Amino acid sequence: MSKEFLSVAIWEPLPGMEAASLETVRELNGLVARKQYGRDFFYRSGDSHYVLLRYWSSEQARSAAQEDPEVLRCWARLGNEIKILKVYEKLEEVGV
């Protein structure tokens, strides 16, 4: 059985693209949830930085999302709406 894992993306909208980027992220988050690829949590830091936490259901779910035409369209649109500042593809929990 595959294990859930966390990915984190930190980004800011390109000038004049904040509303469009937020709508695209909402659409993407809806697809991820509806298709059971994972679950998302979305935060804002200050005036311009956004943080998306995505708990992927599994490696297989992430692979499926990376090949899903609807998801790919959203990611392509975001490429014209945001500037990615940092991405952590796979974070693993550390027991402390």
Protein backbone atom coordinates (compact mmCIF):
# COMPACT_ATOMS: atom_id res chain seq x y z
CA MET A 1 0.00 0.00 0.00
CA SER A 2 1.39 3.39 -0.97
CA LYS A 3 1.98 6.05 1.61
CA GLU A 4 0.72 9.65 1.57
CA PHE A 5 3.43 12.33 1.27
CA LEU A 6 3.67 16.10 1.29
CA SER A 7 4.71 18.50 -1.47
CA VAL A 8 5.04 22.25 -0.91
CA ALA A 9 5.03 25.06 -3.47
CA ILE A 10 5.72 28.71 -2.63
CA TRP A 11 4.82 31.23 -5.31
CA GLU A 12 3.70 34.75 -6.10
CA PRO A 13 1.37 35.93 -8.84
CA LEU A 14 2.82 37.76 -11.80
CA PRO A 15 1.81 41.42 -12.03
CA GLY A 16 -1.89 41.72 -12.82
CA MET A 17 -2.44 37.95 -12.56
CA GLU A 18 -3.46 37.47 -8.93
CA ALA A 19 -7.18 36.90 -9.55
CA ALA A 20 -6.52 34.60 -12.52
CA SER A 21 -3.89 32.59 -10.63
CA LEU A 22 -6.17 32.11 -7.63
CA GLU A 23 -8.97 30.90 -9.89
CA THR A 24 -6.60 28.44 -11.58
CA VAL A 25 -5.37 27.16 -8.21
CA ARG A 26 -8.99 26.69 -7.07
CA GLU A 27 -9.69 24.70 -10.23
CA LEU A 28 -6.54 22.62 -9.75
CA ASN A 29 -7.32 21.95 -6.08
CA GLY A 30 -10.82 20.85 -7.08
CA LEU A 31 -9.43 18.40 -9.64
CA VAL A 32 -6.94 16.97 -7.16
CA ALA A 33 -9.71 16.40 -4.61
CA ARG A 34 -12.34 15.12 -7.05
CA LYS A 35 -9.96 12.64 -8.67
CA GLN A 36 -8.62 11.61 -5.25
CA TYR A 37 -5.03 12.43 -6.13
CA GLY A 38 -4.59 14.12 -2.77
CA ARG A 39 -5.70 16.96 -0.55
CA ASP A 40 -4.61 20.58 -0.55
CA PHE A 41 -4.17 23.34 2.00
CA PHE A 42 -3.61 26.87 0.75
CA TYR A 43 -2.07 29.78 2.67
CA ARG A 44 -0.99 33.35 2.08
CA SER A 45 2.04 35.03 3.63
CA GLY A 46 1.93 38.80 3.82
CA ASP A 47 0.99 40.65 0.68
CA SER A 48 2.28 38.46 -2.10
CA HIS A 49 3.51 34.96 -1.27
CA TYR A 50 1.25 31.94 -1.43
CA VAL A 51 1.99 28.50 -0.03
CA LEU A 52 0.29 25.37 -1.32
CA LEU A 53 0.60 22.21 0.78
CA ARG A 54 -0.44 19.11 -1.10
CA TYR A 55 -0.68 15.73 0.54
CA TRP A 56 -0.49 13.30 -2.36
CA SER A 57 -2.44 10.09 -1.76
CA SER A 58 0.49 8.06 -3.12
CA GLU A 59 3.27 8.06 -5.68
CA GLN A 60 0.81 6.45 -8.10
CA ALA A 61 -1.66 9.29 -7.54
CA ARG A 62 1.01 11.90 -8.25
CA SER A 63 2.07 10.04 -11.40
CA ALA A 64 -1.55 9.86 -12.57
CA ALA A 65 -1.98 13.60 -11.95
CA GLN A 66 1.16 14.35 -13.96
CA GLU A 67 -0.43 12.59 -16.94
CA ASP A 68 -4.00 13.87 -16.49
CA PRO A 69 -4.89 16.29 -19.33
CA GLU A 70 -7.15 18.43 -17.11
CA VAL A 71 -4.45 18.81 -14.48
CA LEU A 72 -1.79 19.50 -17.12
CA ARG A 73 -3.93 22.31 -18.57
CA CYS A 74 -4.13 23.97 -15.13
CA TRP A 75 -0.38 23.66 -14.57
CA ALA A 76 0.29 25.09 -18.03
CA ARG A 77 -2.01 28.06 -17.32
CA LEU A 78 -0.30 28.66 -13.96
CA GLY A 79 3.02 28.88 -15.79
CA ASN A 80 1.75 32.15 -17.28
CA GLU A 81 0.20 33.45 -14.05
CA ILE A 82 2.73 32.85 -11.29
CA LYS A 83 6.41 32.93 -10.41
CA ILE A 84 7.44 29.86 -8.44
CA LEU A 85 9.80 30.74 -5.61
CA LYS A 86 10.41 27.30 -4.12
CA VAL A 87 9.12 23.76 -4.53
CA TYR A 88 9.65 20.81 -2.25
CA GLU A 89 8.59 17.80 -4.33
CA LYS A 90 8.52 15.28 -1.51
CA LEU A 91 8.78 15.90 2.20
CA GLU A 92 8.76 13.05 4.65
CA GLU A 93 7.63 13.29 8.24
CA VAL A 94 10.34 13.24 10.86
CA GLY A 95 9.35 11.73 14.16
CA VAL A 96 10.63 13.89 17.00
